[in-house]
C-alpha cells in the first residue's frame, strides 16, 4: 500500500488509516474478531491506526492495545482527547488538568509507553489554546507523545494555534483530522489550503459520509436495519438535504459504473486524490467491510472522472452543513443576541 509523509514529521503512514471507532460498544463487541480485523489490515499494508479515548469509553483503545501486542513498533498509533469520559464536569475538554490525566489512561489502555500522534478531538472555547499547547509540549518533551494534532478544527483556530506555537515556542499541531467526502467538501475552502501553508498532514474521516457513499440508502426506502441511520442518528430520508444527497448519489453511481468500480471505491479513492490529503480513515466493523474497503487503495481516478464528480458536487460545497463536523459556538442563540 502507498505511504505518504505525515506533514513534515518524517513519519510515513499508509494512504488508508484503520479507524477503530466501531470496535467495542459502538459497533463490534467481539474483541477477538476486532483484533483479527486489525491484524488483517496490518497484513494488508496498513501501518496507521486511529482511535480516541471517547470511542466506547476507552474500549476501542483497549482492543487496539490487545491487537498491537508484539507489533507495536511497526504501527503508527493515533488517539485523541477532549470528549466526555464518564461522570464529572472536569472529565472532558482541552485543559492541562484533563490532558495530563487522560493521556496516562490512554497509554494504559493502549498498552504502550508512547503515542505517535496525540490529537485534540475538538476545539474547546473555555480553554486558551496556549494552555492546551503548553500541556502537549510537555508530553512531547517527556517522550509520551511523538507528535500532536487537531481534529475538526475550523481554519481560523488552526491559524491561531500555529501562531501561538510560534510566538510562545510550543510544539505545533503537525496535522489536522477533518471530515471529508464527495458530499462534504467544505474543508476545500479554508482548512486544506491552511494545512498546506503550514506543512500539516491531513487525515480525513468519514470518506463515505456516514455510509451514504456505500449506496445502501435508497430514495423512497426505509433505512436498512442495523445502520446508524436506523438508530435514529439521521434525519428521515425525505428531509430536503437527504433528497439532495439522493440526487447526487444517483449521478455518482453512473460515474462509478463508467469507471468500472464500486461507489465505495470511488468515494474512498476520491478522498485521497486531493494533494493536500495524507491519508483517509476507513472504519470497518466486520472483516467483510474491511475487505470491501482495502481495494480502494489500488484505485486511481483519472481527470475526466474527477471533473464529473466536481460537476455533481462543486468544490468547497457541503450538501448538509452538519456533515462539516463542527458547529461554531458563536452561532448559538445566546451568542447572537444582545
C-alpha atoms as a PDB file:
ATOM      1  CA  UNK A   1       0.000   0.000   0.000  1.00  0.00           C
ATOM      2  CA  UNK A   2       1.197   3.517  -0.814  1.00  0.00           C
ATOM      3  CA  UNK A   3       2.665   5.516   2.066  1.00  0.00           C
ATOM      4  CA  UNK A   4       2.900   9.281   2.440  1.00  0.00           C
ATOM      5  CA  UNK A   5       4.747  11.540   4.855  1.00  0.00           C
ATOM      6  CA  UNK A   6       2.567  12.889   7.666  1.00  0.00           C
ATOM      7  CA  UNK A   7       3.082  16.612   7.203  1.00  0.00           C
ATOM      8  CA  UNK A   8       6.747  17.369   7.852  1.00  0.00           C
ATOM      9  CA  UNK A   9       7.169  14.902  10.705  1.00  0.00           C
ATOM     10  CA  UNK A  10       9.073  12.371   8.614  1.00  0.00           C
ATOM     11  CA  UNK A  11       6.596   9.708   9.762  1.00  0.00           C
ATOM     12  CA  UNK A  12       5.465   7.514   6.883  1.00  0.00           C
ATOM     13  CA  UNK A  13       1.819   6.448   7.055  1.00  0.00           C
ATOM     14  CA  UNK A  14      -0.296   4.307   4.770  1.00  0.00           C
ATOM     15  CA  UNK A  15      -2.733   6.079   2.477  1.00  0.00           C
ATOM     16  CA  UNK A  16      -5.511   4.239   4.303  1.00  0.00           C
ATOM     17  CA  UNK A  17      -5.718   4.591   8.076  1.00  0.00           C
ATOM     18  CA  UNK A  18      -7.650   1.992  10.068  1.00  0.00           C
ATOM     19  CA  UNK A  19     -10.251   3.802  12.142  1.00  0.00           C
ATOM     20  CA  UNK A  20     -11.125   2.000  15.371  1.00  0.00           C
ATOM     21  CA  UNK A  21     -14.332   3.844  16.274  1.00  0.00           C
ATOM     22  CA  UNK A  22     -16.503   0.804  15.550  1.00  0.00           C
ATOM     23  CA  UNK A  23     -14.511  -1.542  17.798  1.00  0.00           C
ATOM     24  CA  UNK A  24     -16.354  -2.015  21.080  1.00  0.00           C
ATOM     25  CA  UNK A  25     -19.757  -0.934  22.328  1.00  0.00           C
ATOM     26  CA  UNK A  26     -20.419   1.418  19.399  1.00  0.00           C
ATOM     27  CA  UNK A  27     -20.008  -1.360  16.838  1.00  0.00           C
ATOM     28  CA  UNK A  28     -18.398  -4.790  17.167  1.00  0.00           C
ATOM     29  CA  UNK A  29     -18.422  -6.117  20.763  1.00  0.00           C
ATOM     30  CA  UNK A  30     -16.401  -9.240  19.907  1.00  0.00           C
ATOM     31  CA  UNK A  31     -12.853  -8.320  20.921  1.00  0.00           C
ATOM     32  CA  UNK A  32     -11.261 -11.333  19.254  1.00  0.00           C
ATOM     33  CA  UNK A  33     -12.994 -10.512  15.979  1.00  0.00           C
ATOM     34  CA  UNK A  34     -11.855  -6.892  16.213  1.00  0.00           C
ATOM     35  CA  UNK A  35      -8.269  -7.988  16.859  1.00  0.00           C
ATOM     36  CA  UNK A  36      -8.467 -10.222  13.785  1.00  0.00           C
ATOM     37  CA  UNK A  37      -9.696  -7.284  11.698  1.00  0.00           C
ATOM     38  CA  UNK A  38      -6.782  -5.154  12.910  1.00  0.00           C
ATOM     39  CA  UNK A  39      -4.269  -7.893  12.151  1.00  0.00           C
ATOM     40  CA  UNK A  40      -5.723  -8.376   8.670  1.00  0.00           C
ATOM     41  CA  UNK A  41      -5.464  -4.647   7.994  1.00  0.00           C
ATOM     42  CA  UNK A  42      -1.836  -4.608   9.106  1.00  0.00           C
ATOM     43  CA  UNK A  43      -1.055  -7.676   6.995  1.00  0.00           C
ATOM     44  CA  UNK A  44      -2.595  -5.868   4.002  1.00  0.00           C
ATOM     45  CA  UNK A  45      -0.144  -2.966   4.275  1.00  0.00           C
ATOM     46  CA  UNK A  46      -1.889  -0.529   6.609  1.00  0.00           C
ATOM     47  CA  UNK A  47       0.547   0.784   9.237  1.00  0.00           C
ATOM     48  CA  UNK A  48      -1.638   3.541  10.704  1.00  0.00           C
ATOM     49  CA  UNK A  49      -4.428   3.163  13.305  1.00  0.00           C
ATOM     50  CA  UNK A  50      -6.618   5.974  14.631  1.00  0.00           C
ATOM     51  CA  UNK A  51      -8.747   5.752  17.761  1.00  0.00           C
ATOM     52  CA  UNK A  52      -9.894   8.037  20.610  1.00  0.00           C
ATOM     53  CA  UNK A  53     -10.428   7.785  24.341  1.00  0.00           C
ATOM     54  CA  UNK A  54     -14.141   8.517  23.934  1.00  0.00           C
ATOM     55  CA  UNK A  55     -14.782   5.678  21.465  1.00  0.00           C
ATOM     56  CA  UNK A  56     -16.879   3.244  23.515  1.00  0.00           C
ATOM     57  CA  UNK A  57     -15.477   4.971  26.624  1.00  0.00           C
ATOM     58  CA  UNK A  58     -11.989   3.525  26.230  1.00  0.00           C
ATOM     59  CA  UNK A  59     -12.965   0.078  24.961  1.00  0.00           C
ATOM     60  CA  UNK A  60     -11.683   0.854  21.472  1.00  0.00           C
ATOM     61  CA  UNK A  61      -8.243   1.793  22.810  1.00  0.00           C
ATOM     62  CA  UNK A  62      -8.162  -1.415  24.855  1.00  0.00           C
ATOM     63  CA  UNK A  63      -8.911  -3.501  21.753  1.00  0.00           C
ATOM     64  CA  UNK A  64      -6.216  -1.726  19.760  1.00  0.00           C
ATOM     65  CA  UNK A  65      -3.780  -2.350  22.610  1.00  0.00           C
ATOM     66  CA  UNK A  66      -4.558  -6.081  22.562  1.00  0.00           C
ATOM     67  CA  UNK A  67      -4.071  -6.255  18.798  1.00  0.00           C
ATOM     68  CA  UNK A  68      -0.710  -4.485  18.881  1.00  0.00           C
ATOM     69  CA  UNK A  69       0.961  -6.782  21.389  1.00  0.00           C
ATOM     70  CA  UNK A  70       4.205  -7.823  19.715  1.00  0.00           C
ATOM     71  CA  UNK A  71       3.600  -5.462  16.752  1.00  0.00           C
ATOM     72  CA  UNK A  72       3.660  -2.031  18.380  1.00  0.00           C
ATOM     73  CA  UNK A  73       6.942  -0.773  16.879  1.00  0.00           C
ATOM     74  CA  UNK A  74       5.706  -1.255  13.303  1.00  0.00           C
ATOM     75  CA  UNK A  75       2.470   0.706  13.721  1.00  0.00           C
ATOM     76  CA  UNK A  76       1.777   4.438  13.877  1.00  0.00           C
ATOM     77  CA  UNK A  77      -0.825   4.845  16.629  1.00  0.00           C
ATOM     78  CA  UNK A  78      -3.026   7.936  16.841  1.00  0.00           C
ATOM     79  CA  UNK A  79      -5.560   8.685  19.543  1.00  0.00           C
ATOM     80  CA  UNK A  80      -7.464  11.731  20.779  1.00  0.00           C
ATOM     81  CA  UNK A  81      -8.551  13.580  23.894  1.00  0.00           C
ATOM     82  CA  UNK A  82     -11.424  16.012  24.542  1.00  0.00           C
ATOM     83  CA  UNK A  83     -14.709  14.088  24.812  1.00  0.00           C
ATOM     84  CA  UNK A  84     -16.652  13.380  27.994  1.00  0.00           C
ATOM     85  CA  UNK A  85     -15.306  10.317  29.808  1.00  0.00           C
ATOM     86  CA  UNK A  86     -17.689   9.112  32.492  1.00  0.00           C
ATOM     87  CA  UNK A  87     -19.348  11.350  35.045  1.00  0.00           C
ATOM     88  CA  UNK A  88     -17.900  14.622  36.276  1.00  0.00           C
ATOM     89  CA  UNK A  89     -17.788  18.137  34.872  1.00  0.00           C
ATOM     90  CA  UNK A  90     -13.988  18.124  34.538  1.00  0.00           C
ATOM     91  CA  UNK A  91     -13.654  14.748  32.827  1.00  0.00           C
ATOM     92  CA  UNK A  92     -13.506  16.310  29.375  1.00  0.00           C
ATOM     93  CA  UNK A  93     -12.087  19.226  27.438  1.00  0.00           C
ATOM     94  CA  UNK A  94      -8.705  20.642  26.485  1.00  0.00           C
ATOM     95  CA  UNK A  95      -7.387  21.824  29.850  1.00  0.00           C
ATOM     96  CA  UNK A  96      -3.933  20.948  31.142  1.00  0.00           C
ATOM     97  CA  UNK A  97      -5.606  19.195  34.067  1.00  0.00           C
ATOM     98  CA  UNK A  98      -7.602  16.842  31.846  1.00  0.00           C
ATOM     99  CA  UNK A  99      -4.927  16.242  29.218  1.00  0.00           C
ATOM    100  CA  UNK A 100      -2.340  15.293  31.855  1.00  0.00           C
ATOM    101  CA  UNK A 101      -4.757  12.840  33.440  1.00  0.00           C
ATOM    102  CA  UNK A 102      -6.255  11.324  30.333  1.00  0.00           C
ATOM    103  CA  UNK A 103      -3.046  10.732  28.408  1.00  0.00           C
ATOM    104  CA  UNK A 104      -2.000   8.331  31.168  1.00  0.00           C
ATOM    105  CA  UNK A 105      -5.292   6.477  30.821  1.00  0.00           C
ATOM    106  CA  UNK A 106      -4.879   6.198  27.041  1.00  0.00           C
ATOM    107  CA  UNK A 107      -1.319   4.906  27.439  1.00  0.00           C
ATOM    108  CA  UNK A 108      -2.562   2.286  29.901  1.00  0.00           C
ATOM    109  CA  UNK A 109      -5.456   1.161  27.695  1.00  0.00           C
ATOM    110  CA  UNK A 110      -3.246   1.021  24.598  1.00  0.00           C
ATOM    111  CA  UNK A 111      -0.583  -0.953  26.459  1.00  0.00           C
ATOM    112  CA  UNK A 112       2.214   1.330  25.304  1.00  0.00           C
ATOM    113  CA  UNK A 113       4.555   3.943  26.734  1.00  0.00           C
ATOM    114  CA  UNK A 114       4.211   6.389  23.845  1.00  0.00           C
ATOM    115  CA  UNK A 115       1.600   7.677  21.412  1.00  0.00           C
ATOM    116  CA  UNK A 116       2.752   8.530  17.898  1.00  0.00           C
ATOM    117  CA  UNK A 117       0.078  11.151  17.277  1.00  0.00           C
ATOM    118  CA  UNK A 118      -1.975  12.715  20.071  1.00  0.00           C
ATOM    119  CA  UNK A 119      -4.854  14.818  18.778  1.00  0.00           C
ATOM    120  CA  UNK A 120      -7.236  17.327  20.312  1.00  0.00           C
ATOM    121  CA  UNK A 121     -10.608  15.936  19.252  1.00  0.00           C
ATOM    122  CA  UNK A 122     -12.484  19.255  19.042  1.00  0.00           C
ATOM    123  CA  UNK A 123     -11.916  22.912  19.913  1.00  0.00           C
ATOM    124  CA  UNK A 124     -12.752  23.972  23.464  1.00  0.00           C
ATOM    125  CA  UNK A 125     -13.869  27.617  23.755  1.00  0.00           C
ATOM    126  CA  UNK A 126     -13.411  27.517  27.546  1.00  0.00           C
ATOM    127  CA  UNK A 127      -9.647  26.927  27.324  1.00  0.00           C
ATOM    128  CA  UNK A 128      -6.894  29.145  25.962  1.00  0.00           C
ATOM    129  CA  UNK A 129      -5.105  27.316  23.165  1.00  0.00           C
ATOM    130  CA  UNK A 130      -1.859  28.362  24.873  1.00  0.00           C
ATOM    131  CA  UNK A 131      -2.686  26.125  27.854  1.00  0.00           C
ATOM    132  CA  UNK A 132      -3.502  23.199  25.592  1.00  0.00           C
ATOM    133  CA  UNK A 133      -0.301  23.540  23.561  1.00  0.00           C
ATOM    134  CA  UNK A 134       1.784  24.000  26.707  1.00  0.00           C
ATOM    135  CA  UNK A 135       0.472  20.735  28.156  1.00  0.00           C
ATOM    136  CA  UNK A 136       1.015  18.887  24.869  1.00  0.00           C
ATOM    137  CA  UNK A 137       4.543  20.286  24.554  1.00  0.00           C
ATOM    138  CA  UNK A 138       5.403  18.857  27.974  1.00  0.00           C
ATOM    139  CA  UNK A 139       4.158  15.446  26.851  1.00  0.00           C
ATOM    140  CA  UNK A 140       6.367  15.583  23.755  1.00  0.00           C
ATOM    141  CA  UNK A 141       9.396  16.572  25.832  1.00  0.00           C
ATOM    142  CA  UNK A 142       8.664  13.700  28.239  1.00  0.00           C
ATOM    143  CA  UNK A 143       8.569  11.210  25.345  1.00  0.00           C
ATOM    144  CA  UNK A 144       4.982  10.164  25.981  1.00  0.00           C
ATOM    145  CA  UNK A 145       3.826  11.714  22.694  1.00  0.00           C
ATOM    146  CA  UNK A 146       5.745  11.932  19.428  1.00  0.00           C
ATOM    147  CA  UNK A 147       3.621  14.468  17.534  1.00  0.00           C
ATOM    148  CA  UNK A 148       0.448  16.445  18.175  1.00  0.00           C
ATOM    149  CA  UNK A 149      -2.529  17.303  16.008  1.00  0.00           C
ATOM    150  CA  UNK A 150      -6.045  18.721  15.927  1.00  0.00           C
ATOM    151  CA  UNK A 151      -9.316  17.219  14.759  1.00  0.00           C
ATOM    152  CA  UNK A 152     -12.231  19.044  13.145  1.00  0.00           C
ATOM    153  CA  UNK A 153     -10.814  22.497  13.853  1.00  0.00           C
ATOM    154  CA  UNK A 154     -12.013  25.390  11.668  1.00  0.00           C
ATOM    155  CA  UNK A 155      -9.358  27.199   9.649  1.00  0.00           C
ATOM    156  CA  UNK A 156      -9.225  30.212  11.937  1.00  0.00           C
ATOM    157  CA  UNK A 157      -8.473  28.072  15.003  1.00  0.00           C
ATOM    158  CA  UNK A 158      -5.762  26.178  13.138  1.00  0.00           C
ATOM    159  CA  UNK A 159      -4.135  29.507  12.301  1.00  0.00           C
ATOM    160  CA  UNK A 160      -4.399  30.723  15.904  1.00  0.00           C
ATOM    161  CA  UNK A 161      -2.809  27.528  17.208  1.00  0.00           C
ATOM    162  CA  UNK A 162       0.066  27.850  14.741  1.00  0.00           C
ATOM    163  CA  UNK A 163       0.623  31.494  15.729  1.00  0.00           C
ATOM    164  CA  UNK A 164       0.595  30.715  19.458  1.00  0.00           C
ATOM    165  CA  UNK A 165       3.016  27.825  18.969  1.00  0.00           C
ATOM    166  CA  UNK A 166       5.428  30.008  17.008  1.00  0.00           C
ATOM    167  CA  UNK A 167       5.318  33.014  19.330  1.00  0.00           C
ATOM    168  CA  UNK A 168       5.463  31.005  22.578  1.00  0.00           C
ATOM    169  CA  UNK A 169       7.904  28.342  21.442  1.00  0.00           C
ATOM    170  CA  UNK A 170       5.495  25.425  21.868  1.00  0.00           C
ATOM    171  CA  UNK A 171       5.161  22.288  19.813  1.00  0.00           C
ATOM    172  CA  UNK A 172       2.747  22.918  16.964  1.00  0.00           C
ATOM    173  CA  UNK A 173      -0.041  20.850  15.521  1.00  0.00           C
ATOM    174  CA  UNK A 174       1.512  18.683  12.818  1.00  0.00           C
ATOM    175  CA  UNK A 175      -1.732  17.502  11.291  1.00  0.00           C
ATOM    176  CA  UNK A 176      -5.483  18.059  11.179  1.00  0.00           C
ATOM    177  CA  UNK A 177      -8.207  15.406  11.043  1.00  0.00           C
ATOM    178  CA  UNK A 178     -11.323  16.844   9.341  1.00  0.00           C
ATOM    179  CA  UNK A 179     -14.426  15.255   7.796  1.00  0.00           C
ATOM    180  CA  UNK A 180     -14.157  14.999   4.016  1.00  0.00           C
ATOM    181  CA  UNK A 181     -16.168  13.231   1.350  1.00  0.00           C
ATOM    182  CA  UNK A 182     -17.659  13.862  -2.073  1.00  0.00           C
ATOM    183  CA  UNK A 183     -20.817  15.045  -0.303  1.00  0.00           C
ATOM    184  CA  UNK A 184     -18.999  17.206   2.275  1.00  0.00           C
ATOM    185  CA  UNK A 185     -16.267  19.281   0.678  1.00  0.00           C
ATOM    186  CA  UNK A 186     -16.279  22.293   2.989  1.00  0.00           C
ATOM    187  CA  UNK A 187     -12.627  21.907   4.038  1.00  0.00           C
ATOM    188  CA  UNK A 188     -11.512  22.727   0.497  1.00  0.00           C
ATOM    189  CA  UNK A 189     -12.378  26.372   1.131  1.00  0.00           C
ATOM    190  CA  UNK A 190     -10.090  27.033   4.080  1.00  0.00           C
ATOM    191  CA  UNK A 191      -8.825  24.062   6.066  1.00  0.00           C
ATOM    192  CA  UNK A 192      -6.937  22.267   3.283  1.00  0.00           C
ATOM    193  CA  UNK A 193      -5.198  25.420   1.964  1.00  0.00           C
ATOM    194  CA  UNK A 194      -4.210  26.431   5.508  1.00  0.00           C
ATOM    195  CA  UNK A 195      -2.835  22.963   6.277  1.00  0.00           C
ATOM    196  CA  UNK A 196      -0.759  23.043   3.104  1.00  0.00           C
ATOM    197  CA  UNK A 197       0.545  26.510   4.002  1.00  0.00           C
ATOM    198  CA  UNK A 198       1.762  25.274   7.395  1.00  0.00           C
ATOM    199  CA  UNK A 199       3.040  21.945   6.142  1.00  0.00           C
ATOM    200  CA  UNK A 200       0.474  19.962   8.126  1.00  0.00           C
ATOM    201  CA  UNK A 201      -0.628  16.456   7.320  1.00  0.00           C
ATOM    202  CA  UNK A 202      -4.353  15.842   6.804  1.00  0.00           C
ATOM    203  CA  UNK A 203      -6.108  12.635   7.882  1.00  0.00           C
ATOM    204  CA  UNK A 204      -9.702  12.744   6.674  1.00  0.00           C
ATOM    205  CA  UNK A 205     -12.594  10.995   8.387  1.00  0.00           C
ATOM    206  CA  UNK A 206     -15.966   9.811   7.077  1.00  0.00           C
ATOM    207  CA  UNK A 207     -14.962   9.460   3.409  1.00  0.00           C
ATOM    208  CA  UNK A 208     -18.224   7.511   2.948  1.00  0.00           C
ATOM    209  CA  UNK A 209     -20.287  10.297   4.543  1.00  0.00           C
ATOM    210  CA  UNK A 210     -21.710   8.115   7.285  1.00  0.00           C
ATOM    211  CA  UNK A 211     -22.494   5.278   4.882  1.00  0.00           C
ATOM    212  CA  UNK A 212     -24.229   7.361   2.203  1.00  0.00           C
ATOM    213  CA  UNK A 213     -21.478   6.683  -0.323  1.00  0.00           C
ATOM    214  CA  UNK A 214     -21.817   2.920   0.003  1.00  0.00           C
ATOM    215  CA  UNK A 215     -25.130   3.179  -1.841  1.00  0.00           C
ATOM    216  CA  UNK A 216     -27.022   1.383   0.942  1.00  0.00           C
ATOM    217  CA  UNK A 217     -29.512   4.231   1.373  1.00  0.00           C
ATOM    218  CA  UNK A 218     -32.107   4.372  -1.402  1.00  0.00           C
ATOM    219  CA  UNK A 219     -34.631   7.008  -2.349  1.00  0.00           C
ATOM    220  CA  UNK A 220     -38.125   6.152  -1.150  1.00  0.00           C
ATOM    221  CA  UNK A 221     -36.957   3.286   1.065  1.00  0.00           C
ATOM    222  CA  UNK A 222     -36.627   2.994   4.842  1.00  0.00           C
ATOM    223  CA  UNK A 223     -33.105   2.953   6.208  1.00  0.00           C
ATOM    224  CA  UNK A 224     -31.689  -0.600   6.393  1.00  0.00           C
ATOM    225  CA  UNK A 225     -31.770  -2.196   9.853  1.00  0.00           C
ATOM    226  CA  UNK A 226     -28.525  -2.143  11.796  1.00  0.00           C
ATOM    227  CA  UNK A 227     -27.234   1.078  10.230  1.00  0.00           C
ATOM    228  CA  UNK A 228     -26.560   4.287  12.121  1.00  0.00           C
ATOM    229  CA  UNK A 229     -29.445   5.830  10.246  1.00  0.00           C
ATOM    230  CA  UNK A 230     -31.840   3.161  11.517  1.00  0.00           C
ATOM    231  CA  UNK A 231     -30.822   4.018  15.090  1.00  0.00           C
ATOM    232  CA  UNK A 232     -32.315   7.466  14.735  1.00  0.00           C
ATOM    233  CA  UNK A 233     -28.974   9.211  14.201  1.00  0.00           C
ATOM    234  CA  UNK A 234     -30.037  10.741  10.887  1.00  0.00           C
ATOM    235  CA  UNK A 235     -32.949  12.772   9.642  1.00  0.00           C
ATOM    236  CA  UNK A 236     -35.697  10.944   7.693  1.00  0.00           C
ATOM    237  CA  UNK A 237     -34.973  10.012   4.052  1.00  0.00           C
ATOM    238  CA  UNK A 238     -37.468  12.622   2.835  1.00  0.00           C
ATOM    239  CA  UNK A 239     -35.648  15.531   4.537  1.00  0.00           C
ATOM    240  CA  UNK A 240     -34.671  18.170   1.966  1.00  0.00           C
ATOM    241  CA  UNK A 241     -30.941  17.751   2.492  1.00  0.00           C
ATOM    242  CA  UNK A 242     -31.269  13.981   2.119  1.00  0.00           C
ATOM    243  CA  UNK A 243     -33.160  14.420  -1.146  1.00  0.00           C
ATOM    244  CA  UNK A 244     -30.182  16.475  -2.362  1.00  0.00           C
ATOM    245  CA  UNK A 245     -27.925  13.604  -1.406  1.00  0.00           C
ATOM    246  CA  UNK A 246     -30.079  11.114  -3.306  1.00  0.00           C
ATOM    247  CA  UNK A 247     -29.875  13.342  -6.386  1.00  0.00           C
ATOM    248  CA  UNK A 248     -26.075  13.350  -6.137  1.00  0.00           C
ATOM    249  CA  UNK A 249     -25.833   9.624  -5.397  1.00  0.00           C
ATOM    250  CA  UNK A 250     -27.814   8.621  -8.448  1.00  0.00           C
ATOM    251  CA  UNK A 251     -25.390  10.576 -10.621  1.00  0.00           C
ATOM    252  CA  UNK A 252     -22.314   9.308  -8.755  1.00  0.00           C
ATOM    253  CA  UNK A 253     -23.414   5.712  -9.245  1.00  0.00           C
ATOM    254  CA  UNK A 254     -23.282   6.317 -13.002  1.00  0.00           C
ATOM    255  CA  UNK A 255     -19.786   7.789 -12.673  1.00  0.00           C
ATOM    256  CA  UNK A 256     -18.621   4.747 -10.710  1.00  0.00           C
ATOM    257  CA  UNK A 257     -20.179   2.352 -13.222  1.00  0.00           C
ATOM    258  CA  UNK A 258     -18.467   4.132 -16.118  1.00  0.00           C
ATOM    259  CA  UNK A 259     -15.153   3.895 -14.251  1.00  0.00           C
ATOM    260  CA  UNK A 260     -15.713   0.180 -13.665  1.00  0.00           C
ATOM    261  CA  UNK A 261     -15.543   0.420  -9.882  1.00  0.00           C
ATOM    262  CA  UNK A 262     -17.956   0.381  -6.955  1.00  0.00           C
ATOM    263  CA  UNK A 263     -19.373   3.570  -5.483  1.00  0.00           C
ATOM    264  CA  UNK A 264     -17.489   2.806  -2.262  1.00  0.00           C
ATOM    265  CA  UNK A 265     -14.159   2.547  -4.072  1.00  0.00           C
ATOM    266  CA  UNK A 266     -14.918   5.739  -5.978  1.00  0.00           C
ATOM    267  CA  UNK A 267     -15.571   7.607  -2.731  1.00  0.00           C
ATOM    268  CA  UNK A 268     -12.545   6.333  -0.811  1.00  0.00           C
ATOM    269  CA  UNK A 269     -10.163   6.829  -3.742  1.00  0.00           C
ATOM    270  CA  UNK A 270     -11.540  10.341  -4.292  1.00  0.00           C
ATOM    271  CA  UNK A 271     -10.894  11.287  -0.651  1.00  0.00           C
ATOM    272  CA  UNK A 272      -7.133  10.875  -1.074  1.00  0.00           C
ATOM    273  CA  UNK A 273      -6.901  12.298  -4.589  1.00  0.00           C
ATOM    274  CA  UNK A 274      -6.575  15.863  -3.285  1.00  0.00           C
ATOM    275  CA  UNK A 275      -2.878  16.823  -2.997  1.00  0.00           C
ATOM    276  CA  UNK A 276      -3.472  18.219   0.479  1.00  0.00           C
ATOM    277  CA  UNK A 277      -4.717  14.902   1.919  1.00  0.00           C
ATOM    278  CA  UNK A 278      -2.269  12.458   3.507  1.00  0.00           C
ATOM    279  CA  UNK A 279      -4.487   9.527   4.491  1.00  0.00           C
ATOM    280  CA  UNK A 280      -8.150   8.567   4.667  1.00  0.00           C
ATOM    281  CA  UNK A 281      -9.732   6.782   7.620  1.00  0.00           C
ATOM    282  CA  UNK A 282     -11.663   3.608   6.891  1.00  0.00           C
ATOM    283  CA  UNK A 283     -13.791   2.370   9.799  1.00  0.00           C
ATOM    284  CA  UNK A 284     -14.961  -1.223   9.298  1.00  0.00           C
ATOM    285  CA  UNK A 285     -16.740  -3.190  11.998  1.00  0.00           C
ATOM    286  CA  UNK A 286     -16.502  -6.542  10.212  1.00  0.00           C
ATOM    287  CA  UNK A 287     -13.995  -8.438   8.111  1.00  0.00           C
ATOM    288  CA  UNK A 288     -16.290  -8.207   5.085  1.00  0.00           C
ATOM    289  CA  UNK A 289     -16.377  -4.430   5.390  1.00  0.00           C
ATOM    290  CA  UNK A 290     -12.585  -4.288   5.659  1.00  0.00           C
ATOM    291  CA  UNK A 291     -12.152  -6.450   2.574  1.00  0.00           C
ATOM    292  CA  UNK A 292     -14.552  -4.205   0.675  1.00  0.00           C
ATOM    293  CA  UNK A 293     -12.597  -1.083   1.566  1.00  0.00           C
ATOM    294  CA  UNK A 294      -8.997  -2.197   1.083  1.00  0.00           C
ATOM    295  CA  UNK A 295      -9.326  -2.461  -2.694  1.00  0.00           C
ATOM    296  CA  UNK A 296      -9.876   1.279  -2.962  1.00  0.00           C
ATOM    297  CA  UNK A 297      -6.172   1.788  -2.199  1.00  0.00           C
ATOM    298  CA  UNK A 298      -5.390   0.449  -5.681  1.00  0.00           C
ATOM    299  CA  UNK A 299      -7.796   2.824  -7.463  1.00  0.00           C
ATOM    300  CA  UNK A 300      -6.563   5.971  -9.193  1.00  0.00           C
ATOM    301  CA  UNK A 301      -9.212   8.276 -10.612  1.00  0.00           C
ATOM    302  CA  UNK A 302      -8.467   9.961 -13.930  1.00  0.00           C
ATOM    303  CA  UNK A 303      -9.016  13.645 -14.613  1.00  0.00           C
ATOM    304  CA  UNK A 304     -12.253  13.027 -16.504  1.00  0.00           C
ATOM    305  CA  UNK A 305     -13.788  11.167 -13.571  1.00  0.00           C
ATOM    306  CA  UNK A 306     -12.707  13.869 -11.132  1.00  0.00           C
ATOM    307  CA  UNK A 307     -14.224  16.532 -13.393  1.00  0.00           C
ATOM    308  CA  UNK A 308     -17.556  14.703 -13.490  1.00  0.00           C
ATOM    309  CA  UNK A 309     -17.595  14.496  -9.694  1.00  0.00           C
ATOM    310  CA  UNK A 310     -16.908  18.250  -9.490  1.00  0.00           C
ATOM    311  CA  UNK A 311     -19.943  18.884 -11.681  1.00  0.00           C
ATOM    312  CA  UNK A 312     -22.178  16.857  -9.342  1.00  0.00           C
ATOM    313  CA  UNK A 313     -20.872  18.379  -6.089  1.00  0.00           C
ATOM    314  CA  UNK A 314     -18.797  21.504  -6.765  1.00  0.00           C
ATOM    315  CA  UNK A 315     -15.503  22.050  -4.911  1.00  0.00           C
ATOM    316  CA  UNK A 316     -15.945  23.527  -1.457  1.00  0.00           C
ATOM    317  CA  UNK A 317     -19.626  22.627  -1.211  1.00  0.00           C
ATOM    318  CA  UNK A 318     -21.241  20.533   1.536  1.00  0.00           C
ATOM    319  CA  UNK A 319     -24.755  19.276   0.855  1.00  0.00           C
ATOM    320  CA  UNK A 320     -25.712  19.178   4.553  1.00  0.00           C
ATOM    321  CA  UNK A 321     -23.909  21.659   6.828  1.00  0.00           C
ATOM    322  CA  UNK A 322     -23.672  19.389   9.929  1.00  0.00           C
ATOM    323  CA  UNK A 323     -21.529  16.998   7.871  1.00  0.00           C
ATOM    324  CA  UNK A 324     -18.696  19.527   8.245  1.00  0.00           C
ATOM    325  CA  UNK A 325     -18.389  18.190  11.782  1.00  0.00           C
ATOM    326  CA  UNK A 326     -18.200  21.362  13.887  1.00  0.00           C
ATOM    327  CA  UNK A 327     -20.832  23.865  14.932  1.00  0.00           C
ATOM    328  CA  UNK A 328     -19.343  27.189  15.977  1.00  0.00           C
ATOM    329  CA  UNK A 329     -20.374  28.273  19.490  1.00  0.00           C
ATOM    330  CA  UNK A 330     -20.780  31.755  18.005  1.00  0.00           C
ATOM    331  CA  UNK A 331     -23.942  30.582  16.238  1.00  0.00           C
ATOM    332  CA  UNK A 332     -25.963  29.517  19.265  1.00  0.00           C
ATOM    333  CA  UNK A 333     -28.901  31.779  20.121  1.00  0.00           C
ATOM    334  CA  UNK A 334     -27.289  33.334  23.205  1.00  0.00           C
ATOM    335  CA  UNK A 335     -24.239  34.395  21.184  1.00  0.00           C
ATOM    336  CA  UNK A 336     -26.381  36.071  18.518  1.00  0.00           C
ATOM    337  CA  UNK A 337     -28.468  38.188  20.904  1.00  0.00           C
ATOM    338  CA  UNK A 338     -27.571  41.491  22.584  1.00  0.00           C
END
